[in-house]
Amino acid sequence: MATVLVLMGPKGSGKTHVGGVLERRMGVHFVRVEPLFLALYADGADNDRAFREVGEQLLAALDHHPVVAFETLGASPELEPVLRALEARHTVRYVRLRAPLQVCAARVRTRDTTDHIPVSDERVRQINAIADGVERAWDLELHNGEPLPD
């Protein structure tokens, strides 16, 4: 049974950074979900299809890696079936990332939009309010107002 690390938190909270550190420093296979969504949406996928395909890619990665991490806001109802499928076959650990809204907004404004879904400051505020309200039985919470070091 493999382990899944679900890096969950607002846009700009550092999910991609932490996933990259886990991959570089600990050999955890990190699946960057946002570029997958960008490609799927460009191909005409709706949310249901996009989440199903991401779920299939995660399950495929778990066939080859003992630990897989992926990033998500955690706020979409389409995510729940993906999480249930993962929990049915693997150990799932939930990691919550948080950062102040102004820090998140600044990070989102300055990042490469070829790998991230572009959003306005107002939309970041709206999305992050929803993401901040997600409740889970967190296995770990990371406060990332200042970038966490490797």
N, C-alpha and C. Protein backbone atom coordinates (compact mmCIF):
# COMPACT_ATOMS: atom_id res chain seq x y z
N MET A 1 0.85 -1.18 0.00
CA MET A 1 0.00 0.00 0.00
C MET A 1 0.89 1.24 0.00
N ALA A 2 0.64 2.12 -0.93
CA ALA A 2 1.41 3.35 -1.04
C ALA A 2 0.81 4.44 -0.16
N THR A 3 1.53 5.52 -0.02
CA THR A 3 1.07 6.66 0.77
C THR A 3 0.87 7.85 -0.16
N VAL A 4 -0.24 8.56 0.06
CA VAL A 4 -0.56 9.76 -0.69
C VAL A 4 -0.51 10.95 0.26
N LEU A 5 0.26 11.96 -0.10
CA LEU A 5 0.30 13.21 0.65
C LEU A 5 -0.50 14.24 -0.13
N VAL A 6 -1.60 14.68 0.45
CA VAL A 6 -2.45 15.67 -0.19
C VAL A 6 -2.08 17.03 0.37
N LEU A 7 -1.43 17.85 -0.44
CA LEU A 7 -1.03 19.20 -0.03
C LEU A 7 -2.18 20.14 -0.37
N MET A 8 -2.86 20.61 0.67
CA MET A 8 -4.10 21.33 0.49
C MET A 8 -3.99 22.72 1.08
N GLY A 9 -4.46 23.72 0.34
CA GLY A 9 -4.44 25.07 0.88
C GLY A 9 -4.77 26.09 -0.20
N PRO A 10 -4.83 27.34 0.19
CA PRO A 10 -5.16 28.43 -0.74
C PRO A 10 -4.13 28.58 -1.86
N LYS A 11 -4.55 29.28 -2.92
CA LYS A 11 -3.64 29.63 -4.00
C LYS A 11 -2.53 30.51 -3.41
N GLY A 12 -1.29 30.18 -3.73
CA GLY A 12 -0.16 30.97 -3.26
C GLY A 12 0.32 30.61 -1.86
N SER A 13 -0.24 29.55 -1.27
CA SER A 13 0.17 29.19 0.09
C SER A 13 1.46 28.37 0.12
N GLY A 14 1.91 27.89 -1.05
CA GLY A 14 3.19 27.19 -1.10
C GLY A 14 3.09 25.70 -1.35
N LYS A 15 1.97 25.23 -1.84
CA LYS A 15 1.80 23.80 -2.09
C LYS A 15 2.82 23.28 -3.10
N THR A 16 3.00 24.01 -4.19
CA THR A 16 3.95 23.60 -5.22
C THR A 16 5.38 23.62 -4.68
N HIS A 17 5.70 24.64 -3.89
CA HIS A 17 7.04 24.72 -3.29
C HIS A 17 7.30 23.51 -2.39
N VAL A 18 6.36 23.22 -1.50
CA VAL A 18 6.54 22.10 -0.57
C VAL A 18 6.61 20.78 -1.34
N GLY A 19 5.75 20.61 -2.35
CA GLY A 19 5.80 19.40 -3.16
C GLY A 19 7.14 19.24 -3.85
N GLY A 20 7.67 20.34 -4.37
CA GLY A 20 8.99 20.30 -5.00
C GLY A 20 10.10 19.93 -4.02
N VAL A 21 10.02 20.47 -2.81
CA VAL A 21 11.01 20.14 -1.78
C VAL A 21 10.92 18.65 -1.42
N LEU A 22 9.69 18.15 -1.26
CA LEU A 22 9.52 16.72 -0.95
C LEU A 22 10.13 15.85 -2.06
N GLU A 23 9.95 16.29 -3.31
CA GLU A 23 10.49 15.52 -4.42
C GLU A 23 12.02 15.58 -4.45
N ARG A 24 12.58 16.79 -4.34
CA ARG A 24 14.04 16.97 -4.42
C ARG A 24 14.76 16.35 -3.22
N ARG A 25 14.23 16.57 -2.05
CA ARG A 25 14.95 16.19 -0.83
C ARG A 25 14.63 14.79 -0.31
N MET A 26 13.40 14.31 -0.61
CA MET A 26 12.99 13.05 0.00
C MET A 26 12.59 11.98 -1.02
N GLY A 27 12.67 12.30 -2.30
CA GLY A 27 12.35 11.31 -3.32
C GLY A 27 10.87 11.01 -3.46
N VAL A 28 10.02 11.89 -2.93
CA VAL A 28 8.57 11.72 -3.06
C VAL A 28 8.16 12.12 -4.47
N HIS A 29 7.40 11.29 -5.14
CA HIS A 29 6.92 11.65 -6.48
C HIS A 29 5.83 12.72 -6.34
N PHE A 30 6.07 13.89 -6.95
CA PHE A 30 5.14 15.02 -6.82
C PHE A 30 4.39 15.22 -8.13
N VAL A 31 3.08 15.17 -8.06
CA VAL A 31 2.23 15.39 -9.23
C VAL A 31 1.70 16.82 -9.16
N ARG A 32 2.13 17.62 -10.12
CA ARG A 32 1.64 19.01 -10.21
C ARG A 32 0.32 18.98 -10.95
N VAL A 33 -0.75 19.24 -10.24
CA VAL A 33 -2.09 19.10 -10.78
C VAL A 33 -2.49 20.28 -11.65
N GLU A 34 -2.08 21.48 -11.30
CA GLU A 34 -2.53 22.66 -12.04
C GLU A 34 -2.14 22.61 -13.52
N PRO A 35 -0.91 22.23 -13.89
CA PRO A 35 -0.61 22.11 -15.32
C PRO A 35 -1.47 21.05 -16.02
N LEU A 36 -1.83 19.99 -15.30
CA LEU A 36 -2.70 18.97 -15.88
C LEU A 36 -4.08 19.57 -16.17
N PHE A 37 -4.61 20.34 -15.22
CA PHE A 37 -5.90 20.99 -15.44
C PHE A 37 -5.84 21.96 -16.62
N LEU A 38 -4.78 22.74 -16.70
CA LEU A 38 -4.64 23.67 -17.82
C LEU A 38 -4.71 22.94 -19.15
N ALA A 39 -3.99 21.82 -19.27
CA ALA A 39 -4.00 21.04 -20.51
C ALA A 39 -5.37 20.43 -20.77
N LEU A 40 -6.00 19.91 -19.75
CA LEU A 40 -7.32 19.29 -19.93
C LEU A 40 -8.38 20.32 -20.31
N TYR A 41 -8.35 21.49 -19.66
CA TYR A 41 -9.32 22.53 -20.00
C TYR A 41 -9.09 23.04 -21.42
N ALA A 42 -7.84 23.15 -21.82
CA ALA A 42 -7.53 23.58 -23.18
C ALA A 42 -8.06 22.57 -24.20
N ASP A 43 -8.15 21.31 -23.76
CA ASP A 43 -8.65 20.23 -24.61
C ASP A 43 -10.18 20.11 -24.54
N GLY A 44 -10.83 21.01 -23.79
CA GLY A 44 -12.29 21.02 -23.73
C GLY A 44 -12.90 20.22 -22.60
N ALA A 45 -12.10 19.77 -21.66
CA ALA A 45 -12.64 18.98 -20.55
C ALA A 45 -13.44 19.86 -19.60
N ASP A 46 -14.50 19.29 -19.02
CA ASP A 46 -15.22 19.98 -17.95
C ASP A 46 -14.60 19.52 -16.62
N ASN A 47 -15.08 20.08 -15.51
CA ASN A 47 -14.51 19.75 -14.20
C ASN A 47 -14.58 18.26 -13.89
N ASP A 48 -15.72 17.63 -14.15
CA ASP A 48 -15.85 16.20 -13.84
C ASP A 48 -14.80 15.38 -14.58
N ARG A 49 -14.68 15.61 -15.89
CA ARG A 49 -13.70 14.86 -16.68
C ARG A 49 -12.28 15.17 -16.22
N ALA A 50 -12.00 16.44 -15.95
CA ALA A 50 -10.66 16.83 -15.53
C ALA A 50 -10.28 16.13 -14.22
N PHE A 51 -11.19 16.14 -13.25
CA PHE A 51 -10.88 15.49 -11.97
C PHE A 51 -10.74 13.98 -12.13
N ARG A 52 -11.57 13.36 -12.97
CA ARG A 52 -11.45 11.91 -13.21
C ARG A 52 -10.08 11.59 -13.81
N GLU A 53 -9.66 12.38 -14.79
CA GLU A 53 -8.37 12.11 -15.43
C GLU A 53 -7.20 12.34 -14.47
N VAL A 54 -7.30 13.38 -13.66
CA VAL A 54 -6.25 13.62 -12.66
C VAL A 54 -6.21 12.44 -11.67
N GLY A 55 -7.39 11.98 -11.24
CA GLY A 55 -7.45 10.83 -10.34
C GLY A 55 -6.81 9.60 -10.96
N GLU A 56 -7.06 9.36 -12.23
CA GLU A 56 -6.45 8.22 -12.92
C GLU A 56 -4.93 8.37 -12.98
N GLN A 57 -4.46 9.57 -13.22
CA GLN A 57 -3.01 9.79 -13.26
C GLN A 57 -2.38 9.57 -11.89
N LEU A 58 -3.08 9.99 -10.84
CA LEU A 58 -2.56 9.76 -9.50
C LEU A 58 -2.49 8.27 -9.19
N LEU A 59 -3.55 7.53 -9.52
CA LEU A 59 -3.55 6.08 -9.28
C LEU A 59 -2.44 5.40 -10.07
N ALA A 60 -2.22 5.85 -11.30
CA ALA A 60 -1.13 5.29 -12.11
C ALA A 60 0.23 5.57 -11.47
N ALA A 61 0.42 6.77 -10.97
CA ALA A 61 1.68 7.12 -10.31
C ALA A 61 1.90 6.24 -9.07
N LEU A 62 0.82 5.94 -8.38
CA LEU A 62 0.92 5.12 -7.18
C LEU A 62 1.28 3.67 -7.48
N ASP A 63 1.08 3.24 -8.72
CA ASP A 63 1.51 1.90 -9.12
C ASP A 63 3.02 1.81 -9.22
N HIS A 64 3.70 2.97 -9.32
CA HIS A 64 5.14 2.98 -9.55
C HIS A 64 5.95 3.64 -8.44
N HIS A 65 5.28 4.31 -7.50
CA HIS A 65 5.99 5.05 -6.46
C HIS A 65 5.36 4.74 -5.09
N PRO A 66 6.19 4.54 -4.08
CA PRO A 66 5.64 4.22 -2.75
C PRO A 66 4.99 5.42 -2.07
N VAL A 67 5.43 6.63 -2.43
CA VAL A 67 4.85 7.85 -1.86
C VAL A 67 4.63 8.84 -3.00
N VAL A 68 3.41 9.36 -3.07
CA VAL A 68 3.06 10.35 -4.09
C VAL A 68 2.41 11.53 -3.38
N ALA A 69 2.81 12.73 -3.76
CA ALA A 69 2.19 13.95 -3.24
C ALA A 69 1.53 14.69 -4.39
N PHE A 70 0.43 15.38 -4.09
CA PHE A 70 -0.17 16.25 -5.08
C PHE A 70 -0.78 17.45 -4.39
N GLU A 71 -0.99 18.49 -5.19
CA GLU A 71 -1.47 19.78 -4.70
C GLU A 71 -2.93 19.97 -5.06
N THR A 72 -3.68 20.60 -4.16
CA THR A 72 -5.07 20.93 -4.45
C THR A 72 -5.55 22.02 -3.50
N LEU A 73 -6.50 22.82 -3.98
CA LEU A 73 -7.16 23.77 -3.09
C LEU A 73 -8.00 23.03 -2.07
N GLY A 74 -8.56 21.90 -2.51
CA GLY A 74 -9.39 21.10 -1.62
C GLY A 74 -10.83 21.55 -1.56
N ALA A 75 -11.22 22.52 -2.37
CA ALA A 75 -12.53 23.13 -2.23
C ALA A 75 -13.56 22.64 -3.25
N SER A 76 -13.16 21.88 -4.23
CA SER A 76 -14.08 21.47 -5.28
C SER A 76 -14.80 20.18 -4.92
N PRO A 77 -16.12 20.12 -5.10
CA PRO A 77 -16.84 18.87 -4.81
C PRO A 77 -16.39 17.72 -5.70
N GLU A 78 -15.86 18.02 -6.89
CA GLU A 78 -15.38 16.96 -7.78
C GLU A 78 -14.14 16.25 -7.24
N LEU A 79 -13.49 16.85 -6.26
CA LEU A 79 -12.31 16.24 -5.66
C LEU A 79 -12.67 15.05 -4.77
N GLU A 80 -13.83 15.09 -4.15
CA GLU A 80 -14.19 14.06 -3.16
C GLU A 80 -14.15 12.64 -3.71
N PRO A 81 -14.71 12.35 -4.89
CA PRO A 81 -14.59 10.97 -5.40
C PRO A 81 -13.13 10.54 -5.63
N VAL A 82 -12.29 11.47 -6.03
CA VAL A 82 -10.87 11.17 -6.22
C VAL A 82 -10.25 10.79 -4.88
N LEU A 83 -10.54 11.57 -3.85
CA LEU A 83 -9.98 11.27 -2.52
C LEU A 83 -10.50 9.94 -1.99
N ARG A 84 -11.79 9.66 -2.19
CA ARG A 84 -12.36 8.38 -1.73
C ARG A 84 -11.68 7.20 -2.43
N ALA A 85 -11.44 7.34 -3.74
CA ALA A 85 -10.77 6.27 -4.49
C ALA A 85 -9.35 6.06 -3.97
N LEU A 86 -8.66 7.15 -3.67
CA LEU A 86 -7.30 7.04 -3.13
C LEU A 86 -7.33 6.39 -1.75
N GLU A 87 -8.25 6.83 -0.89
CA GLU A 87 -8.35 6.29 0.47
C GLU A 87 -8.70 4.81 0.48
N ALA A 88 -9.43 4.34 -0.53
CA ALA A 88 -9.83 2.94 -0.60
C ALA A 88 -8.65 2.02 -0.86
N ARG A 89 -7.60 2.55 -1.48
CA ARG A 89 -6.48 1.71 -1.89
C ARG A 89 -5.15 2.06 -1.24
N HIS A 90 -5.07 3.24 -0.61
CA HIS A 90 -3.78 3.71 -0.12
C HIS A 90 -3.95 4.45 1.20
N THR A 91 -2.83 4.69 1.87
CA THR A 91 -2.83 5.53 3.05
C THR A 91 -2.79 6.97 2.58
N VAL A 92 -3.74 7.78 3.03
CA VAL A 92 -3.81 9.18 2.62
C VAL A 92 -3.55 10.07 3.83
N ARG A 93 -2.63 10.99 3.67
CA ARG A 93 -2.30 11.95 4.72
C ARG A 93 -2.59 13.35 4.18
N TYR A 94 -3.27 14.14 5.01
CA TYR A 94 -3.67 15.48 4.62
C TYR A 94 -2.77 16.52 5.27
N VAL A 95 -2.14 17.34 4.41
CA VAL A 95 -1.24 18.40 4.86
C VAL A 95 -1.86 19.74 4.46
N ARG A 96 -2.14 20.56 5.47
CA ARG A 96 -2.73 21.87 5.21
C ARG A 96 -1.62 22.92 5.20
N LEU A 97 -1.64 23.76 4.15
CA LEU A 97 -0.72 24.88 4.06
C LEU A 97 -1.51 26.16 4.19
N ARG A 98 -0.94 27.11 4.92
CA ARG A 98 -1.58 28.41 5.10
C ARG A 98 -0.55 29.51 4.97
N ALA A 99 -1.04 30.66 4.51
CA ALA A 99 -0.23 31.88 4.45
C ALA A 99 -1.21 33.05 4.44
N PRO A 100 -0.78 34.23 4.91
CA PRO A 100 -1.66 35.40 4.88
C PRO A 100 -2.10 35.73 3.46
N LEU A 101 -3.32 36.26 3.32
CA LEU A 101 -3.88 36.57 2.01
C LEU A 101 -2.96 37.46 1.19
N GLN A 102 -2.39 38.50 1.78
CA GLN A 102 -1.54 39.40 1.02
C GLN A 102 -0.29 38.69 0.49
N VAL A 103 0.23 37.74 1.24
CA VAL A 103 1.39 36.95 0.79
C VAL A 103 0.96 36.06 -0.36
N CYS A 104 -0.17 35.38 -0.22
CA CYS A 104 -0.68 34.51 -1.28
C CYS A 104 -0.91 35.30 -2.56
N ALA A 105 -1.56 36.44 -2.44
CA ALA A 105 -1.87 37.27 -3.62
C ALA A 105 -0.59 37.71 -4.32
N ALA A 106 0.42 38.12 -3.55
CA ALA A 106 1.69 38.55 -4.14
C ALA A 106 2.36 37.39 -4.86
N ARG A 107 2.33 36.20 -4.28
CA ARG A 107 2.93 35.03 -4.93
C ARG A 107 2.21 34.70 -6.23
N VAL A 108 0.89 34.76 -6.21
CA VAL A 108 0.11 34.43 -7.41
C VAL A 108 0.39 35.44 -8.52
N ARG A 109 0.51 36.72 -8.16
CA ARG A 109 0.78 37.77 -9.16
C ARG A 109 2.11 37.57 -9.86
N THR A 110 3.10 37.01 -9.17
CA THR A 110 4.46 36.96 -9.72
C THR A 110 4.85 35.60 -10.28
N ARG A 111 3.96 34.64 -10.30
CA ARG A 111 4.36 33.32 -10.77
C ARG A 111 4.07 33.12 -12.25
N ASP A 112 4.70 32.10 -12.79
CA ASP A 112 4.60 31.76 -14.21
C ASP A 112 3.21 31.22 -14.53
N THR A 113 2.48 31.93 -15.39
CA THR A 113 1.11 31.51 -15.72
C THR A 113 1.07 30.38 -16.75
N THR A 114 2.21 29.94 -17.25
CA THR A 114 2.17 28.78 -18.14
C THR A 114 1.92 27.50 -17.35
N ASP A 115 2.25 27.51 -16.05
CA ASP A 115 2.06 26.33 -15.21
C ASP A 115 0.96 26.51 -14.17
N HIS A 116 0.37 27.69 -14.11
CA HIS A 116 -0.67 27.98 -13.12
C HIS A 116 -1.85 28.64 -13.80
N ILE A 117 -3.03 28.38 -13.29
CA ILE A 117 -4.23 29.01 -13.82
C ILE A 117 -4.19 30.48 -13.42
N PRO A 118 -4.20 31.40 -14.39
CA PRO A 118 -4.12 32.83 -14.04
C PRO A 118 -5.42 33.31 -13.41
N VAL A 119 -5.29 34.10 -12.33
CA VAL A 119 -6.46 34.65 -11.65
C VAL A 119 -6.13 36.06 -11.15
N SER A 120 -7.18 36.87 -11.03
CA SER A 120 -7.01 38.24 -10.53
C SER A 120 -6.87 38.22 -9.01
N ASP A 121 -6.43 39.35 -8.45
CA ASP A 121 -6.33 39.47 -6.99
C ASP A 121 -7.68 39.22 -6.33
N GLU A 122 -8.75 39.76 -6.94
CA GLU A 122 -10.08 39.56 -6.36
C GLU A 122 -10.48 38.09 -6.39
N ARG A 123 -10.16 37.42 -7.48
CA ARG A 123 -10.49 35.99 -7.56
C ARG A 123 -9.65 35.18 -6.58
N VAL A 124 -8.39 35.56 -6.37
CA VAL A 124 -7.56 34.90 -5.35
C VAL A 124 -8.23 35.04 -3.99
N ARG A 125 -8.72 36.25 -3.68
CA ARG A 125 -9.39 36.47 -2.40
C ARG A 125 -10.61 35.55 -2.26
N GLN A 126 -11.42 35.46 -3.33
CA GLN A 126 -12.61 34.61 -3.29
C GLN A 126 -12.26 33.13 -3.14
N ILE A 127 -11.34 32.68 -3.97
CA ILE A 127 -10.93 31.26 -3.94
C ILE A 127 -10.32 30.91 -2.59
N ASN A 128 -9.45 31.79 -2.10
CA ASN A 128 -8.76 31.49 -0.85
C ASN A 128 -9.69 31.51 0.35
N ALA A 129 -10.73 32.32 0.31
CA ALA A 129 -11.73 32.30 1.39
C ALA A 129 -12.40 30.93 1.44
N ILE A 130 -12.68 30.37 0.28
CA ILE A 130 -13.29 29.03 0.22
C ILE A 130 -12.28 27.98 0.69
N ALA A 131 -11.05 28.06 0.18
CA ALA A 131 -10.02 27.08 0.54
C ALA A 131 -9.70 27.13 2.03
N ASP A 132 -9.70 28.33 2.62
CA ASP A 132 -9.44 28.45 4.06
C ASP A 132 -10.53 27.78 4.89
N GLY A 133 -11.72 27.64 4.33
CA GLY A 133 -12.83 27.03 5.06
C GLY A 133 -12.88 25.52 4.99
N VAL A 134 -11.99 24.91 4.20
CA VAL A 134 -11.98 23.46 4.09
C VAL A 134 -11.52 22.86 5.41
N GLU A 135 -12.28 21.89 5.89
CA GLU A 135 -11.93 21.20 7.13
C GLU A 135 -11.69 19.73 6.85
N ARG A 136 -10.65 19.22 7.41
CA ARG A 136 -10.26 17.81 7.32
C ARG A 136 -9.65 17.42 8.66
N ALA A 137 -9.42 16.17 8.81
CA ALA A 137 -8.62 15.71 9.94
C ALA A 137 -7.16 15.83 9.48
N TRP A 138 -6.57 17.01 9.72
CA TRP A 138 -5.23 17.31 9.20
C TRP A 138 -4.19 16.47 9.91
N ASP A 139 -3.30 15.89 9.14
CA ASP A 139 -2.16 15.16 9.70
C ASP A 139 -1.00 16.10 10.00
N LEU A 140 -0.98 17.24 9.29
CA LEU A 140 0.07 18.23 9.49
C LEU A 140 -0.43 19.57 8.98
N GLU A 141 -0.09 20.64 9.69
CA GLU A 141 -0.39 22.00 9.22
C GLU A 141 0.92 22.77 9.14
N LEU A 142 1.13 23.41 7.99
CA LEU A 142 2.32 24.22 7.77
C LEU A 142 1.91 25.66 7.55
N HIS A 143 2.49 26.57 8.32
CA HIS A 143 2.23 28.00 8.15
C HIS A 143 3.39 28.55 7.33
N ASN A 144 3.06 29.07 6.16
CA ASN A 144 4.07 29.42 5.17
C ASN A 144 4.00 30.90 4.80
N GLY A 145 3.89 31.77 5.80
CA GLY A 145 3.91 33.21 5.53
C GLY A 145 5.27 33.63 5.00
N GLU A 146 6.29 33.11 5.60
CA GLU A 146 7.65 33.25 5.09
C GLU A 146 7.95 31.94 4.38
N PRO A 147 8.55 31.97 3.20
CA PRO A 147 8.79 30.72 2.48
C PRO A 147 9.53 29.71 3.35
N LEU A 148 8.97 28.51 3.40
CA LEU A 148 9.62 27.44 4.16
C LEU A 148 10.91 27.05 3.46
N PRO A 149 11.99 26.88 4.20
CA PRO A 149 13.25 26.48 3.58
C PRO A 149 13.21 25.02 3.17
N ASP A 150 14.11 24.67 2.24
CA ASP A 150 14.22 23.26 1.86
C ASP A 150 14.52 22.40 3.08
